[in-house]
Amino acid sequence: MAEETKASSVVLPPTAASFSVWPPSERTRSSVTQRLAETLSTPSVLSQRYGVMDAEEAKATAAAIEEEAFKLASAFFSASSNEDVAENDGTATLQAYSKEISKRMLDAVKKHAAAATATPNSLTEQPSEVASETSET
């Protein structure tokens, strides 16, 4: 009788898929910076209240905001990666990164608006100061 060769089927346990959203790719970071610059330099709800930046200032501001937020979020991720790595997929870090960008963007537009309003005020104050000095003599 011929011996039948049966293929043995080996059942492997399901493997845990590794999925992490942190750190973002350079392409993603570049897209974030580009979108942030557009937000700072084009009319929007934000610009109605705080004004728009010129394109060059917006690009520089956006790059600085993204870089600072990335550094802070990376430090957060490093600190949290001491915990069980399987539970750290980076979503909390990505959320911290997004919040930091939003916070810094708002700070930047407020600072820009304050600088824009300070310049005209200082120009209008100078002639009145000069006028009061000349009237006192």
N, C-alpha and C. Protein backbone atom coordinates (compact mmCIF):
# COMPACT_ATOMS: atom_id res chain seq x y z
N MET A 1 0.85 -1.15 0.00
CA MET A 1 0.00 0.00 0.00
C MET A 1 0.90 1.23 0.00
N ALA A 2 0.59 2.18 -0.84
CA ALA A 2 1.41 3.38 -0.96
C ALA A 2 1.09 4.31 0.20
N GLU A 3 2.16 4.84 0.71
CA GLU A 3 2.00 5.75 1.85
C GLU A 3 1.56 7.12 1.32
N GLU A 4 0.49 7.62 1.84
CA GLU A 4 -0.02 8.91 1.40
C GLU A 4 0.68 10.02 2.18
N THR A 5 1.12 10.99 1.44
CA THR A 5 1.75 12.14 2.08
C THR A 5 0.71 13.23 2.18
N LYS A 6 0.41 13.55 3.36
CA LYS A 6 -0.56 14.61 3.60
C LYS A 6 0.20 15.86 4.03
N ALA A 7 -0.20 16.95 3.43
CA ALA A 7 0.40 18.22 3.85
C ALA A 7 -0.14 18.56 5.22
N SER A 8 0.75 18.75 6.09
CA SER A 8 0.28 19.11 7.43
C SER A 8 0.00 20.60 7.45
N SER A 9 -1.11 20.93 7.99
CA SER A 9 -1.44 22.34 8.09
C SER A 9 -1.06 22.82 9.49
N VAL A 10 -0.21 23.80 9.49
CA VAL A 10 0.26 24.38 10.74
C VAL A 10 -0.56 25.63 11.01
N VAL A 11 -1.16 25.67 12.13
CA VAL A 11 -1.96 26.83 12.50
C VAL A 11 -1.09 27.70 13.40
N LEU A 12 -0.82 28.90 12.90
CA LEU A 12 -0.02 29.84 13.68
C LEU A 12 -0.95 30.77 14.44
N PRO A 13 -0.56 31.13 15.62
CA PRO A 13 -1.40 32.08 16.36
C PRO A 13 -1.36 33.43 15.64
N PRO A 14 -2.44 34.17 15.73
CA PRO A 14 -2.45 35.48 15.08
C PRO A 14 -1.38 36.38 15.69
N THR A 15 -0.69 37.11 14.85
CA THR A 15 0.33 38.01 15.34
C THR A 15 -0.27 39.38 15.57
N ALA A 16 0.25 40.02 16.54
CA ALA A 16 -0.21 41.37 16.83
C ALA A 16 0.42 42.31 15.81
N ALA A 17 -0.40 43.02 15.10
CA ALA A 17 0.11 43.97 14.11
C ALA A 17 0.61 45.20 14.84
N SER A 18 1.74 45.64 14.44
CA SER A 18 2.32 46.84 15.04
C SER A 18 1.87 48.04 14.23
N PHE A 19 1.26 48.98 14.89
CA PHE A 19 0.76 50.17 14.24
C PHE A 19 1.07 51.36 15.11
N SER A 20 1.72 52.35 14.53
CA SER A 20 2.06 53.54 15.28
C SER A 20 1.88 54.77 14.40
N VAL A 21 1.30 55.80 14.97
CA VAL A 21 1.09 57.04 14.22
C VAL A 21 2.16 58.08 14.54
N TRP A 22 3.07 57.73 15.43
CA TRP A 22 4.14 58.65 15.77
C TRP A 22 5.48 57.98 15.55
N PRO A 23 6.43 58.62 14.99
CA PRO A 23 6.45 60.00 14.49
C PRO A 23 5.86 60.09 13.09
N PRO A 24 5.34 61.26 12.73
CA PRO A 24 4.81 61.43 11.38
C PRO A 24 5.95 61.46 10.36
N SER A 25 5.65 61.13 9.15
CA SER A 25 6.66 61.15 8.09
C SER A 25 7.04 62.60 7.76
N GLU A 26 8.16 62.76 7.10
CA GLU A 26 8.59 64.10 6.66
C GLU A 26 7.54 64.71 5.72
N ARG A 27 6.94 63.86 4.91
CA ARG A 27 5.90 64.33 3.99
C ARG A 27 4.70 64.89 4.77
N THR A 28 4.32 64.21 5.82
CA THR A 28 3.21 64.67 6.65
C THR A 28 3.57 65.98 7.33
N ARG A 29 4.78 66.04 7.88
CA ARG A 29 5.21 67.27 8.56
C ARG A 29 5.25 68.44 7.59
N SER A 30 5.71 68.19 6.37
CA SER A 30 5.76 69.23 5.35
C SER A 30 4.36 69.70 5.00
N SER A 31 3.43 68.77 4.89
CA SER A 31 2.04 69.12 4.61
C SER A 31 1.42 69.95 5.73
N VAL A 32 1.73 69.59 6.95
CA VAL A 32 1.24 70.35 8.11
C VAL A 32 1.76 71.78 8.04
N THR A 33 3.06 71.93 7.77
CA THR A 33 3.67 73.25 7.70
C THR A 33 3.05 74.08 6.57
N GLN A 34 2.86 73.45 5.41
CA GLN A 34 2.28 74.15 4.26
C GLN A 34 0.85 74.61 4.56
N ARG A 35 0.07 73.72 5.15
CA ARG A 35 -1.33 74.07 5.47
C ARG A 35 -1.39 75.17 6.52
N LEU A 36 -0.51 75.11 7.48
CA LEU A 36 -0.45 76.13 8.52
C LEU A 36 -0.09 77.49 7.91
N ALA A 37 0.87 77.52 7.00
CA ALA A 37 1.25 78.77 6.33
C ALA A 37 0.07 79.33 5.53
N GLU A 38 -0.68 78.46 4.87
CA GLU A 38 -1.86 78.90 4.13
C GLU A 38 -2.89 79.51 5.07
N THR A 39 -3.09 78.88 6.21
CA THR A 39 -4.05 79.38 7.18
C THR A 39 -3.65 80.76 7.69
N LEU A 40 -2.36 80.95 7.90
CA LEU A 40 -1.88 82.23 8.42
C LEU A 40 -1.89 83.35 7.38
N SER A 41 -1.83 82.99 6.10
CA SER A 41 -1.68 84.01 5.07
C SER A 41 -2.88 84.22 4.15
N THR A 42 -3.97 83.50 4.39
CA THR A 42 -5.15 83.66 3.54
C THR A 42 -6.35 84.06 4.40
N PRO A 43 -7.33 84.71 3.79
CA PRO A 43 -8.53 85.10 4.55
C PRO A 43 -9.24 83.89 5.14
N SER A 44 -9.61 84.01 6.39
CA SER A 44 -10.32 82.94 7.09
C SER A 44 -11.02 83.55 8.29
N VAL A 45 -11.69 82.73 9.05
CA VAL A 45 -12.33 83.19 10.28
C VAL A 45 -11.27 83.75 11.22
N LEU A 46 -10.13 83.09 11.27
CA LEU A 46 -9.02 83.53 12.12
C LEU A 46 -8.50 84.89 11.67
N SER A 47 -8.34 85.08 10.37
CA SER A 47 -7.80 86.34 9.86
C SER A 47 -8.80 87.50 10.00
N GLN A 48 -10.08 87.19 10.05
CA GLN A 48 -11.07 88.25 10.25
C GLN A 48 -10.86 88.92 11.60
N ARG A 49 -10.41 88.15 12.56
CA ARG A 49 -10.20 88.70 13.90
C ARG A 49 -8.79 89.23 14.10
N TYR A 50 -7.79 88.51 13.56
CA TYR A 50 -6.40 88.85 13.85
C TYR A 50 -5.60 89.35 12.66
N GLY A 51 -6.17 89.33 11.46
CA GLY A 51 -5.46 89.77 10.28
C GLY A 51 -4.66 88.65 9.64
N VAL A 52 -4.15 88.90 8.45
CA VAL A 52 -3.35 87.90 7.74
C VAL A 52 -1.88 88.31 7.77
N MET A 53 -1.03 87.32 7.66
CA MET A 53 0.41 87.56 7.56
C MET A 53 0.77 87.53 6.08
N ASP A 54 1.87 88.22 5.72
CA ASP A 54 2.32 88.07 4.34
C ASP A 54 2.88 86.66 4.19
N ALA A 55 2.99 86.20 2.96
CA ALA A 55 3.34 84.80 2.69
C ALA A 55 4.68 84.39 3.29
N GLU A 56 5.68 85.23 3.21
CA GLU A 56 7.01 84.88 3.73
C GLU A 56 6.99 84.78 5.26
N GLU A 57 6.34 85.72 5.92
CA GLU A 57 6.23 85.67 7.38
C GLU A 57 5.44 84.44 7.80
N ALA A 58 4.39 84.12 7.05
CA ALA A 58 3.56 82.96 7.37
C ALA A 58 4.35 81.66 7.23
N LYS A 59 5.18 81.55 6.18
CA LYS A 59 6.00 80.35 5.99
C LYS A 59 6.99 80.18 7.13
N ALA A 60 7.66 81.26 7.50
CA ALA A 60 8.65 81.19 8.58
C ALA A 60 7.98 80.87 9.91
N THR A 61 6.85 81.49 10.17
CA THR A 61 6.11 81.25 11.41
C THR A 61 5.61 79.82 11.46
N ALA A 62 5.07 79.33 10.36
CA ALA A 62 4.54 77.96 10.29
C ALA A 62 5.65 76.94 10.53
N ALA A 63 6.80 77.15 9.93
CA ALA A 63 7.93 76.23 10.11
C ALA A 63 8.38 76.20 11.56
N ALA A 64 8.45 77.37 12.18
CA ALA A 64 8.87 77.44 13.59
C ALA A 64 7.84 76.76 14.50
N ILE A 65 6.57 77.01 14.25
CA ILE A 65 5.50 76.40 15.06
C ILE A 65 5.56 74.88 14.95
N GLU A 66 5.66 74.36 13.73
CA GLU A 66 5.67 72.92 13.54
C GLU A 66 6.89 72.29 14.19
N GLU A 67 8.04 72.90 14.03
CA GLU A 67 9.28 72.36 14.60
C GLU A 67 9.21 72.31 16.13
N GLU A 68 8.74 73.38 16.75
CA GLU A 68 8.63 73.43 18.21
C GLU A 68 7.61 72.40 18.71
N ALA A 69 6.49 72.30 18.03
CA ALA A 69 5.47 71.33 18.43
C ALA A 69 5.98 69.90 18.27
N PHE A 70 6.73 69.65 17.19
CA PHE A 70 7.29 68.31 16.97
C PHE A 70 8.28 67.94 18.08
N LYS A 71 9.14 68.88 18.45
CA LYS A 71 10.11 68.62 19.53
C LYS A 71 9.41 68.30 20.85
N LEU A 72 8.41 69.09 21.18
CA LEU A 72 7.67 68.85 22.43
C LEU A 72 6.94 67.51 22.40
N ALA A 73 6.31 67.21 21.29
CA ALA A 73 5.57 65.95 21.18
C ALA A 73 6.53 64.76 21.19
N SER A 74 7.68 64.89 20.58
CA SER A 74 8.67 63.81 20.60
C SER A 74 9.16 63.54 22.01
N ALA A 75 9.35 64.59 22.78
CA ALA A 75 9.75 64.42 24.17
C ALA A 75 8.65 63.72 24.96
N PHE A 76 7.41 64.09 24.68
CA PHE A 76 6.25 63.45 25.32
C PHE A 76 6.22 61.97 24.96
N PHE A 77 6.45 61.65 23.68
CA PHE A 77 6.43 60.27 23.22
C PHE A 77 7.54 59.46 23.89
N SER A 78 8.73 60.04 23.98
CA SER A 78 9.85 59.34 24.62
C SER A 78 9.54 59.04 26.07
N ALA A 79 8.95 60.00 26.75
CA ALA A 79 8.59 59.79 28.16
C ALA A 79 7.52 58.73 28.31
N SER A 80 6.57 58.71 27.39
CA SER A 80 5.48 57.74 27.50
C SER A 80 5.87 56.37 26.95
N SER A 81 6.95 56.27 26.18
CA SER A 81 7.35 54.98 25.63
C SER A 81 8.02 54.10 26.67
N ASN A 82 8.29 54.65 27.83
CA ASN A 82 8.82 53.83 28.92
C ASN A 82 7.75 52.87 29.43
N GLU A 83 6.51 53.20 29.14
CA GLU A 83 5.41 52.32 29.51
C GLU A 83 5.38 51.16 28.52
N ASP A 84 4.43 50.30 28.63
CA ASP A 84 4.31 49.17 27.73
C ASP A 84 4.20 49.65 26.28
N VAL A 85 5.17 49.29 25.45
CA VAL A 85 5.23 49.74 24.07
C VAL A 85 4.03 49.27 23.26
N ALA A 86 3.52 48.11 23.58
CA ALA A 86 2.36 47.59 22.84
C ALA A 86 1.15 48.50 22.99
N GLU A 87 1.07 49.22 24.10
CA GLU A 87 -0.06 50.11 24.33
C GLU A 87 0.20 51.52 23.81
N ASN A 88 1.42 51.79 23.39
CA ASN A 88 1.77 53.14 22.96
C ASN A 88 1.83 53.20 21.44
N ASP A 89 0.70 53.48 20.81
CA ASP A 89 0.67 53.57 19.36
C ASP A 89 0.89 55.00 18.87
N GLY A 90 1.10 55.92 19.77
CA GLY A 90 1.40 57.29 19.40
C GLY A 90 0.21 58.20 19.26
N THR A 91 -0.99 57.71 19.48
CA THR A 91 -2.17 58.56 19.28
C THR A 91 -2.21 59.71 20.29
N ALA A 92 -1.81 59.45 21.52
CA ALA A 92 -1.78 60.53 22.52
C ALA A 92 -0.73 61.57 22.14
N THR A 93 0.38 61.12 21.59
CA THR A 93 1.42 62.03 21.16
C THR A 93 0.96 62.87 19.98
N LEU A 94 0.29 62.25 19.04
CA LEU A 94 -0.24 62.97 17.89
C LEU A 94 -1.25 64.02 18.32
N GLN A 95 -2.05 63.68 19.31
CA GLN A 95 -3.03 64.62 19.85
C GLN A 95 -2.32 65.80 20.53
N ALA A 96 -1.27 65.51 21.28
CA ALA A 96 -0.49 66.57 21.93
C ALA A 96 0.16 67.48 20.88
N TYR A 97 0.67 66.89 19.82
CA TYR A 97 1.29 67.63 18.70
C TYR A 97 0.27 68.59 18.08
N SER A 98 -0.91 68.09 17.80
CA SER A 98 -1.97 68.91 17.20
C SER A 98 -2.39 70.05 18.11
N LYS A 99 -2.56 69.76 19.39
CA LYS A 99 -2.95 70.80 20.34
C LYS A 99 -1.87 71.87 20.46
N GLU A 100 -0.62 71.45 20.46
CA GLU A 100 0.50 72.39 20.56
C GLU A 100 0.56 73.29 19.33
N ILE A 101 0.32 72.73 18.16
CA ILE A 101 0.30 73.54 16.93
C ILE A 101 -0.82 74.57 17.01
N SER A 102 -1.99 74.16 17.43
CA SER A 102 -3.14 75.08 17.53
C SER A 102 -2.85 76.20 18.51
N LYS A 103 -2.30 75.83 19.65
CA LYS A 103 -1.99 76.83 20.69
C LYS A 103 -0.96 77.83 20.18
N ARG A 104 0.10 77.34 19.56
CA ARG A 104 1.16 78.21 19.07
C ARG A 104 0.68 79.06 17.89
N MET A 105 -0.20 78.53 17.06
CA MET A 105 -0.73 79.31 15.95
C MET A 105 -1.54 80.49 16.49
N LEU A 106 -2.38 80.23 17.47
CA LEU A 106 -3.18 81.30 18.05
C LEU A 106 -2.30 82.35 18.71
N ASP A 107 -1.27 81.91 19.43
CA ASP A 107 -0.32 82.85 20.04
C ASP A 107 0.36 83.71 18.97
N ALA A 108 0.74 83.08 17.85
CA ALA A 108 1.43 83.80 16.77
C ALA A 108 0.53 84.85 16.12
N VAL A 109 -0.73 84.52 15.87
CA VAL A 109 -1.62 85.50 15.24
C VAL A 109 -1.96 86.63 16.20
N LYS A 110 -2.07 86.32 17.48
CA LYS A 110 -2.32 87.38 18.47
C LYS A 110 -1.12 88.32 18.54
N LYS A 111 0.08 87.76 18.54
CA LYS A 111 1.30 88.57 18.59
C LYS A 111 1.40 89.43 17.32
N HIS A 112 1.09 88.84 16.18
CA HIS A 112 1.12 89.58 14.92
C HIS A 112 0.11 90.73 14.94
N ALA A 113 -1.08 90.46 15.42
CA ALA A 113 -2.12 91.49 15.48
C ALA A 113 -1.72 92.61 16.43
N ALA A 114 -1.12 92.25 17.57
CA ALA A 114 -0.68 93.26 18.53
C ALA A 114 0.41 94.13 17.93
N ALA A 115 1.34 93.52 17.19
CA ALA A 115 2.40 94.29 16.56
C ALA A 115 1.85 95.21 15.47
N ALA A 116 0.86 94.72 14.75
CA ALA A 116 0.25 95.52 13.68
C ALA A 116 -0.51 96.72 14.24
N THR A 117 -1.17 96.55 15.37
CA THR A 117 -1.91 97.66 15.96
C THR A 117 -1.00 98.59 16.74
N ALA A 118 0.12 98.10 17.23
CA ALA A 118 1.05 98.94 18.00
C ALA A 118 1.75 99.93 17.09
N THR A 119 2.06 99.55 15.89
CA THR A 119 2.77 100.43 14.97
C THR A 119 1.95 101.67 14.62
N PRO A 120 0.71 101.54 14.17
CA PRO A 120 -0.07 102.75 13.88
C PRO A 120 -0.31 103.60 15.12
N ASN A 121 -0.53 103.00 16.28
CA ASN A 121 -0.76 103.77 17.50
C ASN A 121 0.46 104.59 17.86
N SER A 122 1.64 104.01 17.72
CA SER A 122 2.84 104.75 18.08
C SER A 122 3.06 105.91 17.12
N LEU A 123 2.63 105.75 15.86
CA LEU A 123 2.76 106.84 14.90
C LEU A 123 1.79 107.97 15.22
N THR A 124 0.59 107.63 15.65
CA THR A 124 -0.39 108.66 15.97
C THR A 124 -0.09 109.32 17.30
N GLU A 125 0.58 108.60 18.20
CA GLU A 125 0.91 109.19 19.49
C GLU A 125 2.06 110.19 19.36
N GLN A 126 3.00 109.93 18.48
CA GLN A 126 4.16 110.80 18.37
C GLN A 126 3.79 112.23 18.00
N PRO A 127 2.94 112.47 16.99
CA PRO A 127 2.61 113.86 16.69
C PRO A 127 1.90 114.56 17.84
N SER A 128 1.05 113.85 18.58
CA SER A 128 0.37 114.50 19.70
C SER A 128 1.35 114.82 20.81
N GLU A 129 2.35 113.94 21.01
CA GLU A 129 3.38 114.22 22.01
C GLU A 129 4.21 115.43 21.59
N VAL A 130 4.52 115.50 20.32
CA VAL A 130 5.28 116.63 19.80
C VAL A 130 4.46 117.90 19.92
N ALA A 131 3.17 117.78 19.61
CA ALA A 131 2.28 118.95 19.69
C ALA A 131 2.17 119.44 21.13
N SER A 132 2.09 118.53 22.09
CA SER A 132 1.98 118.97 23.49
C SER A 132 3.28 119.58 23.97
N GLU A 133 4.41 119.07 23.47
CA GLU A 133 5.71 119.64 23.86
C GLU A 133 5.86 121.05 23.28
N THR A 134 5.42 121.25 22.06
CA THR A 134 5.56 122.58 21.44
C THR A 134 4.59 123.58 22.03
N SER A 135 3.44 123.12 22.50
CA SER A 135 2.48 124.06 23.08
C SER A 135 2.89 124.46 24.49
N GLU A 136 3.73 123.65 25.15
CA GLU A 136 4.18 123.98 26.50
C GLU A 136 5.28 125.03 26.48
N THR A 137 5.97 125.20 25.38
CA THR A 137 7.07 126.16 25.35
C THR A 137 6.62 127.54 25.01
